[in-house]
Amino acid sequence: MDNISKNIIKYRKLAKLSQEKLAERSEISVGYLSKLERSIIENVSVTVLLRIAKSLDVTLNDLVSNTNKTTEHPRPNQNELNKLLDNMSFQTSKQLSLNIINSIKLLKQ
């Protein structure tokens, strides 16, 4: 739960949202959000986490993943690109991802 708490705080601050605004957008109380951020609440529903993630414009995976990543901030347009890929069929998403990867490799040469 500690990772989730840290990630909620991190992404809330990146989005420049107060606890009040995030709670309102996520349809939860400020007190509940405050307890989540302080790791006081041990069991949080996936539904609540999904609403928070949507309000922060991040994925559920972003909220639950380990915060010890090498990059703290997503690259420009990274979240939008991930959302677009998530909304495609698996095969289309896979092919487009490979095309993007190959294009990046060509640029690095």
PDB file of N, CA and C in Angstrom:
ATOM      1  N   MET A   1       0.827  -1.193   0.000  1.00  0.00           N
ATOM      2  CA  MET A   1       0.000   0.000   0.000  1.00  0.00           C
ATOM      3  C   MET A   1       0.865   1.248   0.000  1.00  0.00           C
ATOM      4  N   ASP A   2       2.080   1.131   0.539  1.00  0.00           N
ATOM      5  CA  ASP A   2       2.973   2.286   0.612  1.00  0.00           C
ATOM      6  C   ASP A   2       3.311   2.818  -0.777  1.00  0.00           C
ATOM      7  N   ASN A   3       3.536   1.900  -1.744  1.00  0.00           N
ATOM      8  CA  ASN A   3       3.816   2.338  -3.120  1.00  0.00           C
ATOM      9  C   ASN A   3       2.634   3.096  -3.704  1.00  0.00           C
ATOM     10  N   ILE A   4       1.437   2.588  -3.465  1.00  0.00           N
ATOM     11  CA  ILE A   4       0.240   3.244  -3.988  1.00  0.00           C
ATOM     12  C   ILE A   4       0.118   4.642  -3.394  1.00  0.00           C
ATOM     13  N   SER A   5       0.325   4.751  -2.098  1.00  0.00           N
ATOM     14  CA  SER A   5       0.240   6.054  -1.434  1.00  0.00           C
ATOM     15  C   SER A   5       1.231   7.044  -2.028  1.00  0.00           C
ATOM     16  N   LYS A   6       2.469   6.600  -2.178  1.00  0.00           N
ATOM     17  CA  LYS A   6       3.500   7.475  -2.748  1.00  0.00           C
ATOM     18  C   LYS A   6       3.165   7.867  -4.184  1.00  0.00           C
ATOM     19  N   ASN A   7       2.637   6.920  -4.943  1.00  0.00           N
ATOM     20  CA  ASN A   7       2.300   7.208  -6.340  1.00  0.00           C
ATOM     21  C   ASN A   7       1.127   8.173  -6.456  1.00  0.00           C
ATOM     22  N   ILE A   8       0.131   8.028  -5.593  1.00  0.00           N
ATOM     23  CA  ILE A   8      -0.995   8.964  -5.621  1.00  0.00           C
ATOM     24  C   ILE A   8      -0.484  10.376  -5.353  1.00  0.00           C
ATOM     25  N   ILE A   9       0.355  10.517  -4.342  1.00  0.00           N
ATOM     26  CA  ILE A   9       0.916  11.836  -4.019  1.00  0.00           C
ATOM     27  C   ILE A   9       1.738  12.364  -5.187  1.00  0.00           C
ATOM     28  N   LYS A  10       2.598  11.520  -5.733  1.00  0.00           N
ATOM     29  CA  LYS A  10       3.472  11.938  -6.835  1.00  0.00           C
ATOM     30  C   LYS A  10       2.664  12.431  -8.026  1.00  0.00           C
ATOM     31  N   TYR A  11       1.702  11.624  -8.462  1.00  0.00           N
ATOM     32  CA  TYR A  11       0.930  12.000  -9.649  1.00  0.00           C
ATOM     33  C   TYR A  11      -0.030  13.156  -9.364  1.00  0.00           C
ATOM     34  N   ARG A  12      -0.507  13.266  -8.138  1.00  0.00           N
ATOM     35  CA  ARG A  12      -1.366  14.405  -7.783  1.00  0.00           C
ATOM     36  C   ARG A  12      -0.575  15.702  -7.864  1.00  0.00           C
ATOM     37  N   LYS A  13       0.652  15.666  -7.356  1.00  0.00           N
ATOM     38  CA  LYS A  13       1.496  16.867  -7.408  1.00  0.00           C
ATOM     39  C   LYS A  13       1.916  17.187  -8.836  1.00  0.00           C
ATOM     40  N   LEU A  14       2.214  16.161  -9.634  1.00  0.00           N
ATOM     41  CA  LEU A  14       2.549  16.392 -11.043  1.00  0.00           C
ATOM     42  C   LEU A  14       1.379  17.032 -11.788  1.00  0.00           C
ATOM     43  N   ALA A  15       0.167  16.636 -11.414  1.00  0.00           N
ATOM     44  CA  ALA A  15      -1.036  17.189 -12.050  1.00  0.00           C
ATOM     45  C   ALA A  15      -1.420  18.539 -11.446  1.00  0.00           C
ATOM     46  N   LYS A  16      -0.671  18.948 -10.409  1.00  0.00           N
ATOM     47  CA  LYS A  16      -0.932  20.220  -9.725  1.00  0.00           C
ATOM     48  C   LYS A  16      -2.358  20.282  -9.178  1.00  0.00           C
ATOM     49  N   LEU A  17      -2.760  19.182  -8.548  1.00  0.00           N
ATOM     50  CA  LEU A  17      -4.088  19.099  -7.952  1.00  0.00           C
ATOM     51  C   LEU A  17      -3.983  19.080  -6.434  1.00  0.00           C
ATOM     52  N   SER A  18      -4.899  19.753  -5.784  1.00  0.00           N
ATOM     53  CA  SER A  18      -4.998  19.667  -4.327  1.00  0.00           C
ATOM     54  C   SER A  18      -5.701  18.358  -3.975  1.00  0.00           C
ATOM     55  N   GLN A  19      -5.610  17.973  -2.712  1.00  0.00           N
ATOM     56  CA  GLN A  19      -6.340  16.787  -2.270  1.00  0.00           C
ATOM     57  C   GLN A  19      -7.837  16.983  -2.488  1.00  0.00           C
ATOM     58  N   GLU A  20      -8.305  18.192  -2.231  1.00  0.00           N
ATOM     59  CA  GLU A  20      -9.728  18.488  -2.391  1.00  0.00           C
ATOM     60  C   GLU A  20     -10.184  18.270  -3.834  1.00  0.00           C
ATOM     61  N   LYS A  21      -9.401  18.786  -4.783  1.00  0.00           N
ATOM     62  CA  LYS A  21      -9.779  18.680  -6.193  1.00  0.00           C
ATOM     63  C   LYS A  21      -9.728  17.219  -6.662  1.00  0.00           C
ATOM     64  N   LEU A  22      -8.670  16.499  -6.275  1.00  0.00           N
ATOM     65  CA  LEU A  22      -8.564  15.094  -6.670  1.00  0.00           C
ATOM     66  C   LEU A  22      -9.699  14.276  -6.055  1.00  0.00           C
ATOM     67  N   ALA A  23     -10.000  14.525  -4.797  1.00  0.00           N
ATOM     68  CA  ALA A  23     -11.093  13.803  -4.138  1.00  0.00           C
ATOM     69  C   ALA A  23     -12.416  14.068  -4.857  1.00  0.00           C
ATOM     70  N   GLU A  24     -12.650  15.320  -5.212  1.00  0.00           N
ATOM     71  CA  GLU A  24     -13.885  15.676  -5.920  1.00  0.00           C
ATOM     72  C   GLU A  24     -13.970  14.959  -7.265  1.00  0.00           C
ATOM     73  N   ARG A  25     -12.884  14.997  -8.015  1.00  0.00           N
ATOM     74  CA  ARG A  25     -12.865  14.348  -9.333  1.00  0.00           C
ATOM     75  C   ARG A  25     -13.010  12.835  -9.230  1.00  0.00           C
ATOM     76  N   SER A  26     -12.491  12.272  -8.149  1.00  0.00           N
ATOM     77  CA  SER A  26     -12.517  10.815  -7.958  1.00  0.00           C
ATOM     78  C   SER A  26     -13.765  10.334  -7.227  1.00  0.00           C
ATOM     79  N   GLU A  27     -14.600  11.279  -6.822  1.00  0.00           N
ATOM     80  CA  GLU A  27     -15.842  10.968  -6.109  1.00  0.00           C
ATOM     81  C   GLU A  27     -15.592  10.214  -4.804  1.00  0.00           C
ATOM     82  N   ILE A  28     -14.582  10.688  -4.064  1.00  0.00           N
ATOM     83  CA  ILE A  28     -14.304  10.167  -2.725  1.00  0.00           C
ATOM     84  C   ILE A  28     -14.149  11.365  -1.793  1.00  0.00           C
ATOM     85  N   SER A  29     -14.174  11.121  -0.499  1.00  0.00           N
ATOM     86  CA  SER A  29     -14.026  12.227   0.446  1.00  0.00           C
ATOM     87  C   SER A  29     -12.555  12.623   0.569  1.00  0.00           C
ATOM     88  N   VAL A  30     -12.342  13.864   0.966  1.00  0.00           N
ATOM     89  CA  VAL A  30     -10.977  14.353   1.176  1.00  0.00           C
ATOM     90  C   VAL A  30     -10.314  13.549   2.292  1.00  0.00           C
ATOM     91  N   GLY A  31     -11.080  13.235   3.327  1.00  0.00           N
ATOM     92  CA  GLY A  31     -10.547  12.447   4.433  1.00  0.00           C
ATOM     93  C   GLY A  31     -10.070  11.073   3.988  1.00  0.00           C
ATOM     94  N   TYR A  32     -10.847  10.442   3.111  1.00  0.00           N
ATOM     95  CA  TYR A  32     -10.475   9.122   2.597  1.00  0.00           C
ATOM     96  C   TYR A  32      -9.195   9.217   1.775  1.00  0.00           C
ATOM     97  N   LEU A  33      -9.111  10.230   0.900  1.00  0.00           N
ATOM     98  CA  LEU A  33      -7.903  10.421   0.092  1.00  0.00           C
ATOM     99  C   LEU A  33      -6.700  10.689   0.984  1.00  0.00           C
ATOM    100  N   SER A  34      -6.892  11.515   1.997  1.00  0.00           N
ATOM    101  CA  SER A  34      -5.808  11.819   2.929  1.00  0.00           C
ATOM    102  C   SER A  34      -5.302  10.547   3.610  1.00  0.00           C
ATOM    103  N   LYS A  35      -6.221   9.689   4.022  1.00  0.00           N
ATOM    104  CA  LYS A  35      -5.832   8.423   4.660  1.00  0.00           C
ATOM    105  C   LYS A  35      -5.123   7.502   3.671  1.00  0.00           C
ATOM    106  N   LEU A  36      -5.574   7.513   2.409  1.00  0.00           N
ATOM    107  CA  LEU A  36      -4.885   6.720   1.382  1.00  0.00           C
ATOM    108  C   LEU A  36      -3.449   7.201   1.216  1.00  0.00           C
ATOM    109  N   GLU A  37      -3.281   8.513   1.136  1.00  0.00           N
ATOM    110  CA  GLU A  37      -1.947   9.073   0.925  1.00  0.00           C
ATOM    111  C   GLU A  37      -1.020   8.830   2.115  1.00  0.00           C
ATOM    112  N   ARG A  38      -1.589   8.685   3.299  1.00  0.00           N
ATOM    113  CA  ARG A  38      -0.772   8.427   4.492  1.00  0.00           C
ATOM    114  C   ARG A  38      -0.674   6.937   4.814  1.00  0.00           C
ATOM    115  N   SER A  39      -1.154   6.093   3.926  1.00  0.00           N
ATOM    116  CA  SER A  39      -1.116   4.625   4.089  1.00  0.00           C
ATOM    117  C   SER A  39      -1.870   4.142   5.318  1.00  0.00           C
ATOM    118  N   ILE A  40      -2.857   4.895   5.737  1.00  0.00           N
ATOM    119  CA  ILE A  40      -3.662   4.473   6.886  1.00  0.00           C
ATOM    120  C   ILE A  40      -4.688   3.430   6.455  1.00  0.00           C
ATOM    121  N   ILE A  41      -5.202   3.583   5.250  1.00  0.00           N
ATOM    122  CA  ILE A  41      -6.166   2.619   4.714  1.00  0.00           C
ATOM    123  C   ILE A  41      -5.386   1.490   4.054  1.00  0.00           C
ATOM    124  N   GLU A  42      -5.616   0.281   4.509  1.00  0.00           N
ATOM    125  CA  GLU A  42      -4.893  -0.882   4.000  1.00  0.00           C
ATOM    126  C   GLU A  42      -5.561  -1.502   2.775  1.00  0.00           C
ATOM    127  N   ASN A  43      -6.881  -1.537   2.780  1.00  0.00           N
ATOM    128  CA  ASN A  43      -7.613  -2.187   1.692  1.00  0.00           C
ATOM    129  C   ASN A  43      -8.423  -1.156   0.925  1.00  0.00           C
ATOM    130  N   VAL A  44      -7.990  -0.878  -0.282  1.00  0.00           N
ATOM    131  CA  VAL A  44      -8.716   0.060  -1.137  1.00  0.00           C
ATOM    132  C   VAL A  44      -9.241  -0.719  -2.340  1.00  0.00           C
ATOM    133  N   SER A  45     -10.439  -0.386  -2.770  1.00  0.00           N
ATOM    134  CA  SER A  45     -11.035  -1.128  -3.887  1.00  0.00           C
ATOM    135  C   SER A  45     -10.404  -0.719  -5.212  1.00  0.00           C
ATOM    136  N   VAL A  46     -10.429  -1.636  -6.145  1.00  0.00           N
ATOM    137  CA  VAL A  46      -9.922  -1.368  -7.488  1.00  0.00           C
ATOM    138  C   VAL A  46     -10.751  -0.255  -8.129  1.00  0.00           C
ATOM    139  N   THR A  47     -12.033  -0.225  -7.829  1.00  0.00           N
ATOM    140  CA  THR A  47     -12.910   0.814  -8.383  1.00  0.00           C
ATOM    141  C   THR A  47     -12.434   2.201  -7.976  1.00  0.00           C
ATOM    142  N   VAL A  48     -12.092   2.365  -6.713  1.00  0.00           N
ATOM    143  CA  VAL A  48     -11.598   3.663  -6.234  1.00  0.00           C
ATOM    144  C   VAL A  48     -10.265   3.990  -6.897  1.00  0.00           C
ATOM    145  N   LEU A  49      -9.378   3.014  -6.975  1.00  0.00           N
ATOM    146  CA  LEU A  49      -8.080   3.258  -7.617  1.00  0.00           C
ATOM    147  C   LEU A  49      -8.246   3.630  -9.086  1.00  0.00           C
ATOM    148  N   LEU A  50      -9.188   2.998  -9.762  1.00  0.00           N
ATOM    149  CA  LEU A  50      -9.442   3.337 -11.167  1.00  0.00           C
ATOM    150  C   LEU A  50      -9.953   4.768 -11.307  1.00  0.00           C
ATOM    151  N   ARG A  51     -10.820   5.188 -10.389  1.00  0.00           N
ATOM    152  CA  ARG A  51     -11.330   6.571 -10.442  1.00  0.00           C
ATOM    153  C   ARG A  51     -10.210   7.568 -10.170  1.00  0.00           C
ATOM    154  N   ILE A  52      -9.335   7.249  -9.229  1.00  0.00           N
ATOM    155  CA  ILE A  52      -8.199   8.129  -8.939  1.00  0.00           C
ATOM    156  C   ILE A  52      -7.270   8.184 -10.143  1.00  0.00           C
ATOM    157  N   ALA A  53      -6.961   7.026 -10.714  1.00  0.00           N
ATOM    158  CA  ALA A  53      -6.077   6.979 -11.888  1.00  0.00           C
ATOM    159  C   ALA A  53      -6.652   7.808 -13.028  1.00  0.00           C
ATOM    160  N   LYS A  54      -7.939   7.650 -13.281  1.00  0.00           N
ATOM    161  CA  LYS A  54      -8.586   8.413 -14.353  1.00  0.00           C
ATOM    162  C   LYS A  54      -8.507   9.909 -14.065  1.00  0.00           C
ATOM    163  N   SER A  55      -8.730  10.299 -12.833  1.00  0.00           N
ATOM    164  CA  SER A  55      -8.672  11.710 -12.451  1.00  0.00           C
ATOM    165  C   SER A  55      -7.272  12.286 -12.606  1.00  0.00           C
ATOM    166  N   LEU A  56      -6.266  11.439 -12.424  1.00  0.00           N
ATOM    167  CA  LEU A  56      -4.871  11.875 -12.549  1.00  0.00           C
ATOM    168  C   LEU A  56      -4.332  11.694 -13.964  1.00  0.00           C
ATOM    169  N   ASP A  57      -5.139  11.110 -14.838  1.00  0.00           N
ATOM    170  CA  ASP A  57      -4.742  10.854 -16.226  1.00  0.00           C
ATOM    171  C   ASP A  57      -3.540   9.910 -16.291  1.00  0.00           C
ATOM    172  N   VAL A  58      -3.586   8.872 -15.449  1.00  0.00           N
ATOM    173  CA  VAL A  58      -2.557   7.831 -15.450  1.00  0.00           C
ATOM    174  C   VAL A  58      -3.256   6.480 -15.489  1.00  0.00           C
ATOM    175  N   THR A  59      -2.490   5.430 -15.661  1.00  0.00           N
ATOM    176  CA  THR A  59      -3.062   4.087 -15.668  1.00  0.00           C
ATOM    177  C   THR A  59      -3.092   3.516 -14.252  1.00  0.00           C
ATOM    178  N   LEU A  60      -3.884   2.483 -14.076  1.00  0.00           N
ATOM    179  CA  LEU A  60      -3.910   1.788 -12.792  1.00  0.00           C
ATOM    180  C   LEU A  60      -2.521   1.243 -12.476  1.00  0.00           C
ATOM    181  N   ASN A  61      -1.835   0.748 -13.482  1.00  0.00           N
ATOM    182  CA  ASN A  61      -0.480   0.240 -13.293  1.00  0.00           C
ATOM    183  C   ASN A  61       0.458   1.329 -12.760  1.00  0.00           C
ATOM    184  N   ASP A  62       0.281   2.563 -13.242  1.00  0.00           N
ATOM    185  CA  ASP A  62       1.099   3.668 -12.734  1.00  0.00           C
ATOM    186  C   ASP A  62       0.909   3.835 -11.228  1.00  0.00           C
ATOM    187  N   LEU A  63      -0.317   3.675 -10.763  1.00  0.00           N
ATOM    188  CA  LEU A  63      -0.596   3.861  -9.335  1.00  0.00           C
ATOM    189  C   LEU A  63      -0.066   2.732  -8.468  1.00  0.00           C
ATOM    190  N   VAL A  64      -0.081   1.517  -8.977  1.00  0.00           N
ATOM    191  CA  VAL A  64       0.297   0.383  -8.129  1.00  0.00           C
ATOM    192  C   VAL A  64       1.742  -0.064  -8.304  1.00  0.00           C
ATOM    193  N   SER A  65       2.437   0.478  -9.297  1.00  0.00           N
ATOM    194  CA  SER A  65       3.806   0.022  -9.554  1.00  0.00           C
ATOM    195  C   SER A  65       4.791   0.606  -8.552  1.00  0.00           C
ATOM    196  N   ASN A  66       5.937  -0.035  -8.487  1.00  0.00           N
ATOM    197  CA  ASN A  66       7.013   0.407  -7.612  1.00  0.00           C
ATOM    198  C   ASN A  66       7.500   1.777  -8.060  1.00  0.00           C
ATOM    199  N   THR A  67       7.709   2.675  -7.119  1.00  0.00           N
ATOM    200  CA  THR A  67       8.113   4.044  -7.454  1.00  0.00           C
ATOM    201  C   THR A  67       9.601   4.180  -7.723  1.00  0.00           C
ATOM    202  N   ASN A  68      10.362   3.108  -7.619  1.00  0.00           N
ATOM    203  CA  ASN A  68      11.808   3.196  -7.835  1.00  0.00           C
ATOM    204  C   ASN A  68      12.180   3.070  -9.302  1.00  0.00           C
ATOM    205  N   LYS A  69      11.429   3.714 -10.151  1.00  0.00           N
ATOM    206  CA  LYS A  69      11.734   3.695 -11.576  1.00  0.00           C
ATOM    207  C   LYS A  69      12.839   4.701 -11.857  1.00  0.00           C
ATOM    208  N   THR A  70      13.498   4.522 -12.998  1.00  0.00           N
ATOM    209  CA  THR A  70      14.577   5.442 -13.339  1.00  0.00           C
ATOM    210  C   THR A  70      14.045   6.801 -13.754  1.00  0.00           C
ATOM    211  N   THR A  71      12.847   6.854 -14.327  1.00  0.00           N
ATOM    212  CA  THR A  71      12.279   8.145 -14.696  1.00  0.00           C
ATOM    213  C   THR A  71      11.078   8.430 -13.820  1.00  0.00           C
ATOM    214  N   GLU A  72      11.085   9.563 -13.173  1.00  0.00           N
ATOM    215  CA  GLU A  72       9.990   9.950 -12.301  1.00  0.00           C
ATOM    216  C   GLU A  72       8.839  10.570 -13.078  1.00  0.00           C
ATOM    217  N   HIS A  73       9.135  11.205 -14.198  1.00  0.00           N
ATOM    218  CA  HIS A  73       8.108  11.904 -14.954  1.00  0.00           C
ATOM    219  C   HIS A  73       7.912  11.226 -16.301  1.00  0.00           C
ATOM    220  N   PRO A  74       6.650  11.046 -16.694  1.00  0.00           N
ATOM    221  CA  PRO A  74       6.431  10.471 -18.022  1.00  0.00           C
ATOM    222  C   PRO A  74       6.921  11.429 -19.100  1.00  0.00           C
ATOM    223  N   ARG A  75       7.355  10.882 -20.190  1.00  0.00           N
ATOM    224  CA  ARG A  75       7.796  11.695 -21.321  1.00  0.00           C
ATOM    225  C   ARG A  75       6.586  12.407 -21.916  1.00  0.00           C
ATOM    226  N   PRO A  76       6.831  13.493 -22.660  1.00  0.00           N
ATOM    227  CA  PRO A  76       5.699  14.177 -23.298  1.00  0.00           C
ATOM    228  C   PRO A  76       4.895  13.206 -24.161  1.00  0.00           C
ATOM    229  N   ASN A  77       3.613  13.248 -24.010  1.00  0.00           N
ATOM    230  CA  ASN A  77       2.656  12.445 -24.785  1.00  0.00           C
ATOM    231  C   ASN A  77       2.678  10.953 -24.464  1.00  0.00           C
ATOM    232  N   GLN A  78       3.475  10.517 -23.511  1.00  0.00           N
ATOM    233  CA  GLN A  78       3.576   9.093 -23.193  1.00  0.00           C
ATOM    234  C   GLN A  78       2.246   8.532 -22.683  1.00  0.00           C
ATOM    235  N   ASN A  79       1.596   9.256 -21.783  1.00  0.00           N
ATOM    236  CA  ASN A  79       0.316   8.766 -21.261  1.00  0.00           C
ATOM    237  C   ASN A  79      -0.736   8.684 -22.357  1.00  0.00           C
ATOM    238  N   GLU A  80      -0.775   9.699 -23.224  1.00  0.00           N
ATOM    239  CA  GLU A  80      -1.749   9.688 -24.318  1.00  0.00           C
ATOM    240  C   GLU A  80      -1.478   8.526 -25.273  1.00  0.00           C
ATOM    241  N   LEU A  81      -0.208   8.299 -25.577  1.00  0.00           N
ATOM    242  CA  LEU A  81       0.155   7.192 -26.459  1.00  0.00           C
ATOM    243  C   LEU A  81      -0.261   5.854 -25.848  1.00  0.00           C
ATOM    244  N   ASN A  82       0.005   5.677 -24.562  1.00  0.00           N
ATOM    245  CA  ASN A  82      -0.392   4.436 -23.883  1.00  0.00           C
ATOM    246  C   ASN A  82      -1.902   4.230 -23.924  1.00  0.00           C
ATOM    247  N   LYS A  83      -2.659   5.292 -23.712  1.00  0.00           N
ATOM    248  CA  LYS A  83      -4.118   5.183 -23.749  1.00  0.00           C
ATOM    249  C   LYS A  83      -4.604   4.796 -25.140  1.00  0.00           C
ATOM    250  N   LEU A  84      -4.025   5.418 -26.155  1.00  0.00           N
ATOM    251  CA  LEU A  84      -4.420   5.092 -27.523  1.00  0.00           C
ATOM    252  C   LEU A  84      -4.129   3.626 -27.839  1.00  0.00           C
ATOM    253  N   LEU A  85      -2.955   3.159 -27.435  1.00  0.00           N
ATOM    254  CA  LEU A  85      -2.600   1.759 -27.672  1.00  0.00           C
ATOM    255  C   LEU A  85      -3.517   0.817 -26.894  1.00  0.00           C
ATOM    256  N   ASP A  86      -3.879   1.203 -25.672  1.00  0.00           N
ATOM    257  CA  ASP A  86      -4.770   0.375 -24.848  1.00  0.00           C
ATOM    258  C   ASP A  86      -6.154   0.227 -25.469  1.00  0.00           C
ATOM    259  N   ASN A  87      -6.570   1.213 -26.245  1.00  0.00           N
ATOM    260  CA  ASN A  87      -7.910   1.189 -26.840  1.00  0.00           C
ATOM    261  C   ASN A  87      -7.958   0.494 -28.197  1.00  0.00           C
ATOM    262  N   MET A  88      -6.832  -0.048 -28.638  1.00  0.00           N
ATOM    263  CA  MET A  88      -6.778  -0.763 -29.917  1.00  0.00           C
ATOM    264  C   MET A  88      -6.837  -2.266 -29.668  1.00  0.00           C
ATOM    265  N   SER A  89      -7.098  -3.000 -30.723  1.00  0.00           N
ATOM    266  CA  SER A  89      -7.037  -4.456 -30.600  1.00  0.00           C
ATOM    267  C   SER A  89      -5.593  -4.848 -30.281  1.00  0.00           C
ATOM    268  N   PHE A  90      -5.428  -6.011 -29.706  1.00  0.00           N
ATOM    269  CA  PHE A  90      -4.088  -6.461 -29.334  1.00  0.00           C
ATOM    270  C   PHE A  90      -3.161  -6.486 -30.544  1.00  0.00           C
ATOM    271  N   GLN A  91      -3.639  -7.053 -31.634  1.00  0.00           N
ATOM    272  CA  GLN A  91      -2.801  -7.197 -32.827  1.00  0.00           C
ATOM    273  C   GLN A  91      -2.403  -5.837 -33.395  1.00  0.00           C
ATOM    274  N   THR A  92      -3.357  -4.909 -33.484  1.00  0.00           N
ATOM    275  CA  THR A  92      -3.067  -3.572 -34.008  1.00  0.00           C
ATOM    276  C   THR A  92      -2.088  -2.847 -33.094  1.00  0.00           C
ATOM    277  N   SER A  93      -2.330  -2.941 -31.794  1.00  0.00           N
ATOM    278  CA  SER A  93      -1.450  -2.304 -30.816  1.00  0.00           C
ATOM    279  C   SER A  93      -0.032  -2.867 -30.907  1.00  0.00           C
ATOM    280  N   LYS A  94       0.068  -4.171 -31.035  1.00  0.00           N
ATOM    281  CA  LYS A  94       1.377  -4.824 -31.133  1.00  0.00           C
ATOM    282  C   LYS A  94       2.121  -4.355 -32.380  1.00  0.00           C
ATOM    283  N   GLN A  95       1.440  -4.344 -33.514  1.00  0.00           N
ATOM    284  CA  GLN A  95       2.079  -3.945 -34.770  1.00  0.00           C
ATOM    285  C   GLN A  95       2.502  -2.479 -34.735  1.00  0.00           C
ATOM    286  N   LEU A  96       1.623  -1.615 -34.248  1.00  0.00           N
ATOM    287  CA  LEU A  96       1.947  -0.196 -34.177  1.00  0.00           C
ATOM    288  C   LEU A  96       3.109   0.048 -33.214  1.00  0.00           C
ATOM    289  N   SER A  97       3.115  -0.655 -32.093  1.00  0.00           N
ATOM    290  CA  SER A  97       4.219  -0.526 -31.130  1.00  0.00           C
ATOM    291  C   SER A  97       5.545  -0.925 -31.764  1.00  0.00           C
ATOM    292  N   LEU A  98       5.536  -2.015 -32.514  1.00  0.00           N
ATOM    293  CA  LEU A  98       6.760  -2.452 -33.200  1.00  0.00           C
ATOM    294  C   LEU A  98       7.214  -1.415 -34.222  1.00  0.00           C
ATOM    295  N   ASN A  99       6.262  -0.819 -34.929  1.00  0.00           N
ATOM    296  CA  ASN A  99       6.610   0.234 -35.893  1.00  0.00           C
ATOM    297  C   ASN A  99       7.249   1.436 -35.201  1.00  0.00           C
ATOM    298  N   ILE A 100       6.699   1.822 -34.071  1.00  0.00           N
ATOM    299  CA  ILE A 100       7.252   2.951 -33.318  1.00  0.00           C
ATOM    300  C   ILE A 100       8.658   2.618 -32.827  1.00  0.00           C
ATOM    301  N   ILE A 101       8.835   1.422 -32.278  1.00  0.00           N
ATOM    302  CA  ILE A 101      10.152   0.994 -31.789  1.00  0.00           C
ATOM    303  C   ILE A 101      11.174   0.994 -32.918  1.00  0.00           C
ATOM    304  N   ASN A 102      10.801   0.452 -34.052  1.00  0.00           N
ATOM    305  CA  ASN A 102      11.722   0.426 -35.196  1.00  0.00           C
ATOM    306  C   ASN A 102      12.052   1.834 -35.686  1.00  0.00           C
ATOM    307  N   SER A 103      11.082   2.721 -35.673  1.00  0.00           N
ATOM    308  CA  SER A 103      11.333   4.110 -36.077  1.00  0.00           C
ATOM    309  C   SER A 103      12.318   4.786 -35.126  1.00  0.00           C
ATOM    310  N   ILE A 104      12.157   4.545 -33.849  1.00  0.00           N
ATOM    311  CA  ILE A 104      13.070   5.128 -32.857  1.00  0.00           C
ATOM    312  C   ILE A 104      14.478   4.575 -33.043  1.00  0.00           C
ATOM    313  N   LYS A 105      14.580   3.276 -33.285  1.00  0.00           N
ATOM    314  CA  LYS A 105      15.900   2.669 -33.520  1.00  0.00           C
ATOM    315  C   LYS A 105      16.568   3.276 -34.747  1.00  0.00           C
ATOM    316  N   LEU A 106      15.794   3.538 -35.791  1.00  0.00           N
ATOM    317  CA  LEU A 106      16.350   4.171 -36.993  1.00  0.00           C
ATOM    318  C   LEU A 106      16.846   5.582 -36.700  1.00  0.00           C
ATOM    319  N   LEU A 107      16.124   6.302 -35.868  1.00  0.00           N
ATOM    320  CA  LEU A 107      16.531   7.663 -35.512  1.00  0.00           C
ATOM    321  C   LEU A 107      17.838   7.678 -34.718  1.00  0.00           C
ATOM    322  N   LYS A 108      18.076   6.636 -33.937  1.00  0.00           N
ATOM    323  CA  LYS A 108      19.281   6.564 -33.107  1.00  0.00           C
ATOM    324  C   LYS A 108      20.527   6.206 -33.899  1.00  0.00           C
ATOM    325  N   GLN A 109      20.364   5.713 -35.121  1.00  0.00           N
ATOM    326  CA  GLN A 109      21.527   5.297 -35.927  1.00  0.00           C
ATOM    327  C   GLN A 109      22.280   6.491 -36.456  1.00  0.00           C
TER     328      GLN A 109
END
